[in-house]
Amino acid sequence: MKILKVKYLHDYKLEVLFSNGETKIADFEVFLKKAKNKSIFKFLDKSKFKTVEIDTGFLSWNNGEMEISAYSVFHQYSKNIVDAL
């Protein structure tokens, strides 16, 4: 599975379209605030978090400084759009 499209919504939430056709809302607030790698804390700055891009099917920030796989986004950080509203 790959990520095909990503759209910043608000706070630390992204709308993500996956290659299986599903669109989900992913929320990274807890992940960012509880990260063990201190270099990730800089992405709590929403202006930096908003710079998310897709790189080979992964979510990527700052040229790969932080990357999250499609599998992790799909299974750990997201909800179906109906459930997220």
PDB file of N, CA and C in Angstrom:
ATOM      1  N   MET A   1       0.835  -1.177   0.000  1.00  0.00           N
ATOM      2  CA  MET A   1       0.000   0.000   0.000  1.00  0.00           C
ATOM      3  C   MET A   1       0.881   1.242   0.000  1.00  0.00           C
ATOM      4  N   LYS A   2       0.420   2.259  -0.735  1.00  0.00           N
ATOM      5  CA  LYS A   2       1.143   3.529  -0.808  1.00  0.00           C
ATOM      6  C   LYS A   2       0.187   4.680  -0.519  1.00  0.00           C
ATOM      7  N   ILE A   3       0.772   5.801  -0.170  1.00  0.00           N
ATOM      8  CA  ILE A   3       0.006   7.038  -0.027  1.00  0.00           C
ATOM      9  C   ILE A   3       0.068   7.751  -1.375  1.00  0.00           C
ATOM     10  N   LEU A   4      -1.104   8.112  -1.878  1.00  0.00           N
ATOM     11  CA  LEU A   4      -1.174   8.774  -3.176  1.00  0.00           C
ATOM     12  C   LEU A   4      -1.350  10.278  -3.062  1.00  0.00           C
ATOM     13  N   LYS A   5      -2.028  10.710  -2.001  1.00  0.00           N
ATOM     14  CA  LYS A   5      -2.340  12.134  -1.861  1.00  0.00           C
ATOM     15  C   LYS A   5      -2.443  12.475  -0.380  1.00  0.00           C
ATOM     16  N   VAL A   6      -1.974  13.667  -0.037  1.00  0.00           N
ATOM     17  CA  VAL A   6      -2.072  14.139   1.344  1.00  0.00           C
ATOM     18  C   VAL A   6      -2.488  15.601   1.339  1.00  0.00           C
ATOM     19  N   LYS A   7      -3.338  15.942   2.286  1.00  0.00           N
ATOM     20  CA  LYS A   7      -3.816  17.323   2.407  1.00  0.00           C
ATOM     21  C   LYS A   7      -3.809  17.698   3.888  1.00  0.00           C
ATOM     22  N   TYR A   8      -3.137  18.810   4.201  1.00  0.00           N
ATOM     23  CA  TYR A   8      -3.139  19.320   5.568  1.00  0.00           C
ATOM     24  C   TYR A   8      -4.538  19.843   5.886  1.00  0.00           C
ATOM     25  N   LEU A   9      -5.065  19.475   7.052  1.00  0.00           N
ATOM     26  CA  LEU A   9      -6.383  19.943   7.470  1.00  0.00           C
ATOM     27  C   LEU A   9      -6.261  21.042   8.521  1.00  0.00           C
ATOM     28  N   HIS A  10      -5.816  20.670   9.719  1.00  0.00           N
ATOM     29  CA  HIS A  10      -5.617  21.616  10.816  1.00  0.00           C
ATOM     30  C   HIS A  10      -4.873  20.896  11.936  1.00  0.00           C
ATOM     31  N   ASP A  11      -4.356  21.678  12.860  1.00  0.00           N
ATOM     32  CA  ASP A  11      -3.569  21.134  13.976  1.00  0.00           C
ATOM     33  C   ASP A  11      -2.542  20.139  13.431  1.00  0.00           C
ATOM     34  N   TYR A  12      -2.661  18.868  13.811  1.00  0.00           N
ATOM     35  CA  TYR A  12      -1.727  17.842  13.335  1.00  0.00           C
ATOM     36  C   TYR A  12      -2.476  16.767  12.546  1.00  0.00           C
ATOM     37  N   LYS A  13      -3.534  17.182  11.888  1.00  0.00           N
ATOM     38  CA  LYS A  13      -4.379  16.257  11.134  1.00  0.00           C
ATOM     39  C   LYS A  13      -4.178  16.424   9.633  1.00  0.00           C
ATOM     40  N   LEU A  14      -4.122  15.253   8.975  1.00  0.00           N
ATOM     41  CA  LEU A  14      -3.952  15.192   7.529  1.00  0.00           C
ATOM     42  C   LEU A  14      -5.031  14.295   6.932  1.00  0.00           C
ATOM     43  N   GLU A  15      -5.508  14.661   5.767  1.00  0.00           N
ATOM     44  CA  GLU A  15      -6.380  13.778   4.995  1.00  0.00           C
ATOM     45  C   GLU A  15      -5.483  13.022   4.037  1.00  0.00           C
ATOM     46  N   VAL A  16      -5.573  11.697   4.076  1.00  0.00           N
ATOM     47  CA  VAL A  16      -4.648  10.861   3.322  1.00  0.00           C
ATOM     48  C   VAL A  16      -5.417   9.892   2.421  1.00  0.00           C
ATOM     49  N   LEU A  17      -5.071   9.871   1.136  1.00  0.00           N
ATOM     50  CA  LEU A  17      -5.631   8.928   0.175  1.00  0.00           C
ATOM     51  C   LEU A  17      -4.616   7.811  -0.054  1.00  0.00           C
ATOM     52  N   PHE A  18      -5.081   6.572   0.129  1.00  0.00           N
ATOM     53  CA  PHE A  18      -4.223   5.399  -0.020  1.00  0.00           C
ATOM     54  C   PHE A  18      -4.473   4.712  -1.355  1.00  0.00           C
ATOM     55  N   SER A  19      -3.520   3.893  -1.776  1.00  0.00           N
ATOM     56  CA  SER A  19      -3.609   3.206  -3.065  1.00  0.00           C
ATOM     57  C   SER A  19      -4.732   2.175  -3.114  1.00  0.00           C
ATOM     58  N   ASN A  20      -5.296   1.805  -1.975  1.00  0.00           N
ATOM     59  CA  ASN A  20      -6.439   0.883  -1.970  1.00  0.00           C
ATOM     60  C   ASN A  20      -7.758   1.632  -2.171  1.00  0.00           C
ATOM     61  N   GLY A  21      -7.690   2.958  -2.361  1.00  0.00           N
ATOM     62  CA  GLY A  21      -8.879   3.765  -2.610  1.00  0.00           C
ATOM     63  C   GLY A  21      -9.483   4.400  -1.372  1.00  0.00           C
ATOM     64  N   GLU A  22      -9.012   4.014  -0.191  1.00  0.00           N
ATOM     65  CA  GLU A  22      -9.559   4.580   1.044  1.00  0.00           C
ATOM     66  C   GLU A  22      -8.927   5.933   1.357  1.00  0.00           C
ATOM     67  N   THR A  23      -9.746   6.826   1.891  1.00  0.00           N
ATOM     68  CA  THR A  23      -9.274   8.113   2.384  1.00  0.00           C
ATOM     69  C   THR A  23      -9.522   8.136   3.881  1.00  0.00           C
ATOM     70  N   LYS A  24      -8.508   8.511   4.632  1.00  0.00           N
ATOM     71  CA  LYS A  24      -8.615   8.543   6.088  1.00  0.00           C
ATOM     72  C   LYS A  24      -8.072   9.865   6.617  1.00  0.00           C
ATOM     73  N   ILE A  25      -8.455  10.168   7.853  1.00  0.00           N
ATOM     74  CA  ILE A  25      -7.920  11.320   8.577  1.00  0.00           C
ATOM     75  C   ILE A  25      -6.873  10.784   9.555  1.00  0.00           C
ATOM     76  N   ALA A  26      -5.647  11.261   9.414  1.00  0.00           N
ATOM     77  CA  ALA A  26      -4.558  10.842  10.292  1.00  0.00           C
ATOM     78  C   ALA A  26      -4.238  11.980  11.256  1.00  0.00           C
ATOM     79  N   ASP A  27      -4.124  11.641  12.538  1.00  0.00           N
ATOM     80  CA  ASP A  27      -3.835  12.627  13.579  1.00  0.00           C
ATOM     81  C   ASP A  27      -2.501  12.261  14.234  1.00  0.00           C
ATOM     82  N   PHE A  28      -1.534  13.157  14.123  1.00  0.00           N
ATOM     83  CA  PHE A  28      -0.185  12.879  14.617  1.00  0.00           C
ATOM     84  C   PHE A  28       0.157  13.625  15.902  1.00  0.00           C
ATOM     85  N   GLU A  29      -0.817  14.238  16.552  1.00  0.00           N
ATOM     86  CA  GLU A  29      -0.530  15.041  17.745  1.00  0.00           C
ATOM     87  C   GLU A  29       0.133  14.223  18.848  1.00  0.00           C
ATOM     88  N   VAL A  30      -0.439  13.095  19.203  1.00  0.00           N
ATOM     89  CA  VAL A  30       0.134  12.271  20.280  1.00  0.00           C
ATOM     90  C   VAL A  30       1.512  11.760  19.885  1.00  0.00           C
ATOM     91  N   PHE A  31       1.650  11.301  18.646  1.00  0.00           N
ATOM     92  CA  PHE A  31       2.942  10.819  18.160  1.00  0.00           C
ATOM     93  C   PHE A  31       4.022  11.890  18.316  1.00  0.00           C
ATOM     94  N   LEU A  32       3.715  13.109  17.891  1.00  0.00           N
ATOM     95  CA  LEU A  32       4.711  14.189  17.953  1.00  0.00           C
ATOM     96  C   LEU A  32       5.041  14.576  19.389  1.00  0.00           C
ATOM     97  N   LYS A  33       4.030  14.644  20.229  1.00  0.00           N
ATOM     98  CA  LYS A  33       4.253  15.079  21.618  1.00  0.00           C
ATOM     99  C   LYS A  33       4.959  14.027  22.466  1.00  0.00           C
ATOM    100  N   LYS A  34       4.842  12.751  22.092  1.00  0.00           N
ATOM    101  CA  LYS A  34       5.458  11.678  22.877  1.00  0.00           C
ATOM    102  C   LYS A  34       6.674  11.058  22.192  1.00  0.00           C
ATOM    103  N   ALA A  35       7.144  11.684  21.139  1.00  0.00           N
ATOM    104  CA  ALA A  35       8.279  11.132  20.387  1.00  0.00           C
ATOM    105  C   ALA A  35       9.510  10.987  21.272  1.00  0.00           C
ATOM    106  N   LYS A  36      10.202   9.889  21.112  1.00  0.00           N
ATOM    107  CA  LYS A  36      11.444   9.655  21.867  1.00  0.00           C
ATOM    108  C   LYS A  36      12.627  10.317  21.185  1.00  0.00           C
ATOM    109  N   ASN A  37      12.524  10.497  19.888  1.00  0.00           N
ATOM    110  CA  ASN A  37      13.569  11.170  19.125  1.00  0.00           C
ATOM    111  C   ASN A  37      13.308  12.681  19.195  1.00  0.00           C
ATOM    112  N   LYS A  38      14.108  13.386  19.917  1.00  0.00           N
ATOM    113  CA  LYS A  38      13.893  14.812  20.167  1.00  0.00           C
ATOM    114  C   LYS A  38      13.896  15.672  18.898  1.00  0.00           C
ATOM    115  N   SER A  39      14.542  15.190  17.841  1.00  0.00           N
ATOM    116  CA  SER A  39      14.566  15.972  16.603  1.00  0.00           C
ATOM    117  C   SER A  39      13.176  16.073  15.971  1.00  0.00           C
ATOM    118  N   ILE A  40      12.272  15.203  16.371  1.00  0.00           N
ATOM    119  CA  ILE A  40      10.907  15.225  15.845  1.00  0.00           C
ATOM    120  C   ILE A  40      10.093  16.365  16.466  1.00  0.00           C
ATOM    121  N   PHE A  41      10.471  16.821  17.647  1.00  0.00           N
ATOM    122  CA  PHE A  41       9.717  17.885  18.327  1.00  0.00           C
ATOM    123  C   PHE A  41       9.576  19.146  17.482  1.00  0.00           C
ATOM    124  N   LYS A  42      10.527  19.395  16.590  1.00  0.00           N
ATOM    125  CA  LYS A  42      10.443  20.609  15.762  1.00  0.00           C
ATOM    126  C   LYS A  42       9.195  20.611  14.891  1.00  0.00           C
ATOM    127  N   PHE A  43       8.628  19.433  14.615  1.00  0.00           N
ATOM    128  CA  PHE A  43       7.436  19.356  13.778  1.00  0.00           C
ATOM    129  C   PHE A  43       6.155  19.645  14.561  1.00  0.00           C
ATOM    130  N   LEU A  44       6.304  19.940  15.855  1.00  0.00           N
ATOM    131  CA  LEU A  44       5.171  20.476  16.616  1.00  0.00           C
ATOM    132  C   LEU A  44       4.871  21.905  16.173  1.00  0.00           C
ATOM    133  N   ASP A  45       5.837  22.543  15.563  1.00  0.00           N
ATOM    134  CA  ASP A  45       5.620  23.847  14.940  1.00  0.00           C
ATOM    135  C   ASP A  45       4.764  23.573  13.697  1.00  0.00           C
ATOM    136  N   LYS A  46       3.528  24.051  13.722  1.00  0.00           N
ATOM    137  CA  LYS A  46       2.579  23.719  12.651  1.00  0.00           C
ATOM    138  C   LYS A  46       3.057  24.193  11.283  1.00  0.00           C
ATOM    139  N   SER A  47       3.820  25.265  11.232  1.00  0.00           N
ATOM    140  CA  SER A  47       4.330  25.714   9.931  1.00  0.00           C
ATOM    141  C   SER A  47       5.293  24.686   9.346  1.00  0.00           C
ATOM    142  N   LYS A  48       6.004  23.952  10.188  1.00  0.00           N
ATOM    143  CA  LYS A  48       6.890  22.877   9.720  1.00  0.00           C
ATOM    144  C   LYS A  48       6.085  21.612   9.413  1.00  0.00           C
ATOM    145  N   PHE A  49       5.085  21.313  10.261  1.00  0.00           N
ATOM    146  CA  PHE A  49       4.267  20.120  10.052  1.00  0.00           C
ATOM    147  C   PHE A  49       3.517  20.197   8.723  1.00  0.00           C
ATOM    148  N   LYS A  50       3.076  21.385   8.364  1.00  0.00           N
ATOM    149  CA  LYS A  50       2.309  21.589   7.128  1.00  0.00           C
ATOM    150  C   LYS A  50       3.114  21.286   5.866  1.00  0.00           C
ATOM    151  N   THR A  51       4.424  21.186   5.974  1.00  0.00           N
ATOM    152  CA  THR A  51       5.272  20.981   4.799  1.00  0.00           C
ATOM    153  C   THR A  51       5.314  19.521   4.342  1.00  0.00           C
ATOM    154  N   VAL A  52       4.436  18.704   4.861  1.00  0.00           N
ATOM    155  CA  VAL A  52       4.405  17.275   4.520  1.00  0.00           C
ATOM    156  C   VAL A  52       4.327  17.070   3.009  1.00  0.00           C
ATOM    157  N   GLU A  53       5.055  16.063   2.559  1.00  0.00           N
ATOM    158  CA  GLU A  53       5.060  15.667   1.152  1.00  0.00           C
ATOM    159  C   GLU A  53       4.962  14.153   1.083  1.00  0.00           C
ATOM    160  N   ILE A  54       4.759  13.660  -0.116  1.00  0.00           N
ATOM    161  CA  ILE A  54       4.777  12.211  -0.344  1.00  0.00           C
ATOM    162  C   ILE A  54       6.092  11.877  -1.032  1.00  0.00           C
ATOM    163  N   ASP A  55       6.790  10.890  -0.478  1.00  0.00           N
ATOM    164  CA  ASP A  55       8.052  10.429  -1.056  1.00  0.00           C
ATOM    165  C   ASP A  55       7.995   8.910  -1.142  1.00  0.00           C
ATOM    166  N   THR A  56       7.942   8.379  -2.328  1.00  0.00           N
ATOM    167  CA  THR A  56       7.842   6.936  -2.596  1.00  0.00           C
ATOM    168  C   THR A  56       6.764   6.258  -1.755  1.00  0.00           C
ATOM    169  N   GLY A  57       5.603   6.897  -1.660  1.00  0.00           N
ATOM    170  CA  GLY A  57       4.467   6.313  -0.959  1.00  0.00           C
ATOM    171  C   GLY A  57       4.447   6.527   0.536  1.00  0.00           C
ATOM    172  N   PHE A  58       5.438   7.204   1.080  1.00  0.00           N
ATOM    173  CA  PHE A  58       5.519   7.515   2.506  1.00  0.00           C
ATOM    174  C   PHE A  58       5.162   8.984   2.714  1.00  0.00           C
ATOM    175  N   LEU A  59       4.771   9.347   3.946  1.00  0.00           N
ATOM    176  CA  LEU A  59       4.703  10.753   4.323  1.00  0.00           C
ATOM    177  C   LEU A  59       6.108  11.174   4.706  1.00  0.00           C
ATOM    178  N   SER A  60       6.513  12.336   4.261  1.00  0.00           N
ATOM    179  CA  SER A  60       7.877  12.788   4.494  1.00  0.00           C
ATOM    180  C   SER A  60       7.886  14.281   4.802  1.00  0.00           C
ATOM    181  N   TRP A  61       8.737  14.653   5.751  1.00  0.00           N
ATOM    182  CA  TRP A  61       8.911  16.050   6.122  1.00  0.00           C
ATOM    183  C   TRP A  61      10.391  16.402   6.019  1.00  0.00           C
ATOM    184  N   ASN A  62      10.651  17.586   5.501  1.00  0.00           N
ATOM    185  CA  ASN A  62      12.005  18.135   5.457  1.00  0.00           C
ATOM    186  C   ASN A  62      12.998  17.177   4.797  1.00  0.00           C
ATOM    187  N   ASN A  63      12.670  16.768   3.574  1.00  0.00           N
ATOM    188  CA  ASN A  63      13.552  15.875   2.802  1.00  0.00           C
ATOM    189  C   ASN A  63      13.914  14.590   3.535  1.00  0.00           C
ATOM    190  N   GLY A  64      12.935  13.986   4.181  1.00  0.00           N
ATOM    191  CA  GLY A  64      13.146  12.697   4.831  1.00  0.00           C
ATOM    192  C   GLY A  64      13.630  12.767   6.255  1.00  0.00           C
ATOM    193  N   GLU A  65      13.685  13.947   6.838  1.00  0.00           N
ATOM    194  CA  GLU A  65      14.109  14.053   8.237  1.00  0.00           C
ATOM    195  C   GLU A  65      13.143  13.294   9.148  1.00  0.00           C
ATOM    196  N   MET A  66      11.862  13.315   8.782  1.00  0.00           N
ATOM    197  CA  MET A  66      10.865  12.492   9.468  1.00  0.00           C
ATOM    198  C   MET A  66      10.038  11.833   8.378  1.00  0.00           C
ATOM    199  N   GLU A  67       9.916  10.508   8.447  1.00  0.00           N
ATOM    200  CA  GLU A  67       9.111   9.757   7.487  1.00  0.00           C
ATOM    201  C   GLU A  67       8.222   8.779   8.240  1.00  0.00           C
ATOM    202  N   ILE A  68       7.033   8.582   7.700  1.00  0.00           N
ATOM    203  CA  ILE A  68       6.100   7.627   8.292  1.00  0.00           C
ATOM    204  C   ILE A  68       5.525   6.793   7.146  1.00  0.00           C
ATOM    205  N   SER A  69       5.591   5.494   7.301  1.00  0.00           N
ATOM    206  CA  SER A  69       5.154   4.585   6.238  1.00  0.00           C
ATOM    207  C   SER A  69       3.643   4.619   6.060  1.00  0.00           C
ATOM    208  N   ALA A  70       3.208   4.244   4.867  1.00  0.00           N
ATOM    209  CA  ALA A  70       1.777   4.153   4.571  1.00  0.00           C
ATOM    210  C   ALA A  70       1.103   3.163   5.518  1.00  0.00           C
ATOM    211  N   TYR A  71       1.765   2.052   5.795  1.00  0.00           N
ATOM    212  CA  TYR A  71       1.200   1.040   6.699  1.00  0.00           C
ATOM    213  C   TYR A  71       0.933   1.641   8.075  1.00  0.00           C
ATOM    214  N   SER A  72       1.907   2.370   8.621  1.00  0.00           N
ATOM    215  CA  SER A  72       1.741   2.976   9.943  1.00  0.00           C
ATOM    216  C   SER A  72       0.637   4.020   9.944  1.00  0.00           C
ATOM    217  N   VAL A  73       0.602   4.846   8.909  1.00  0.00           N
ATOM    218  CA  VAL A  73      -0.440   5.864   8.818  1.00  0.00           C
ATOM    219  C   VAL A  73      -1.807   5.193   8.778  1.00  0.00           C
ATOM    220  N   PHE A  74      -1.940   4.182   7.947  1.00  0.00           N
ATOM    221  CA  PHE A  74      -3.218   3.506   7.750  1.00  0.00           C
ATOM    222  C   PHE A  74      -3.688   2.793   9.016  1.00  0.00           C
ATOM    223  N   HIS A  75      -2.788   2.073   9.688  1.00  0.00           N
ATOM    224  CA  HIS A  75      -3.185   1.214  10.803  1.00  0.00           C
ATOM    225  C   HIS A  75      -3.040   1.845  12.184  1.00  0.00           C
ATOM    226  N   GLN A  76      -2.141   2.801  12.356  1.00  0.00           N
ATOM    227  CA  GLN A  76      -1.885   3.327  13.693  1.00  0.00           C
ATOM    228  C   GLN A  76      -2.378   4.744  13.924  1.00  0.00           C
ATOM    229  N   TYR A  77      -2.337   5.579  12.917  1.00  0.00           N
ATOM    230  CA  TYR A  77      -2.577   7.007  13.146  1.00  0.00           C
ATOM    231  C   TYR A  77      -3.844   7.544  12.508  1.00  0.00           C
ATOM    232  N   SER A  78      -4.647   6.699  11.873  1.00  0.00           N
ATOM    233  CA  SER A  78      -5.776   7.255  11.141  1.00  0.00           C
ATOM    234  C   SER A  78      -7.097   6.580  11.479  1.00  0.00           C
ATOM    235  N   LYS A  79      -8.154   7.305  11.129  1.00  0.00           N
ATOM    236  CA  LYS A  79      -9.526   6.815  11.271  1.00  0.00           C
ATOM    237  C   LYS A  79     -10.233   7.056   9.950  1.00  0.00           C
ATOM    238  N   ASN A  80     -11.269   6.263   9.720  1.00  0.00           N
ATOM    239  CA  ASN A  80     -12.094   6.522   8.553  1.00  0.00           C
ATOM    240  C   ASN A  80     -12.691   7.917   8.689  1.00  0.00           C
ATOM    241  N   ILE A  81     -12.928   8.569   7.603  1.00  0.00           N
ATOM    242  CA  ILE A  81     -13.428   9.937   7.645  1.00  0.00           C
ATOM    243  C   ILE A  81     -14.724  10.037   8.457  1.00  0.00           C
ATOM    244  N   VAL A  82     -15.639   9.117   8.287  1.00  0.00           N
ATOM    245  CA  VAL A  82     -16.905   9.148   9.030  1.00  0.00           C
ATOM    246  C   VAL A  82     -16.655   9.065  10.527  1.00  0.00           C
ATOM    247  N   ASP A  83     -15.728   8.190  10.954  1.00  0.00           N
ATOM    248  CA  ASP A  83     -15.421   8.025  12.375  1.00  0.00           C
ATOM    249  C   ASP A  83     -14.675   9.219  12.951  1.00  0.00           C
ATOM    250  N   ALA A  84     -13.941   9.920  12.114  1.00  0.00           N
ATOM    251  CA  ALA A  84     -13.120  11.037  12.591  1.00  0.00           C
ATOM    252  C   ALA A  84     -13.924  12.316  12.783  1.00  0.00           C
ATOM    253  N   LEU A  85     -15.114  12.398  12.205  1.00  0.00           N
ATOM    254  CA  LEU A  85     -15.925  13.621  12.307  1.00  0.00           C
ATOM    255  C   LEU A  85     -16.680  13.713  13.600  1.00  0.00           C
TER     256      LEU A  85
END
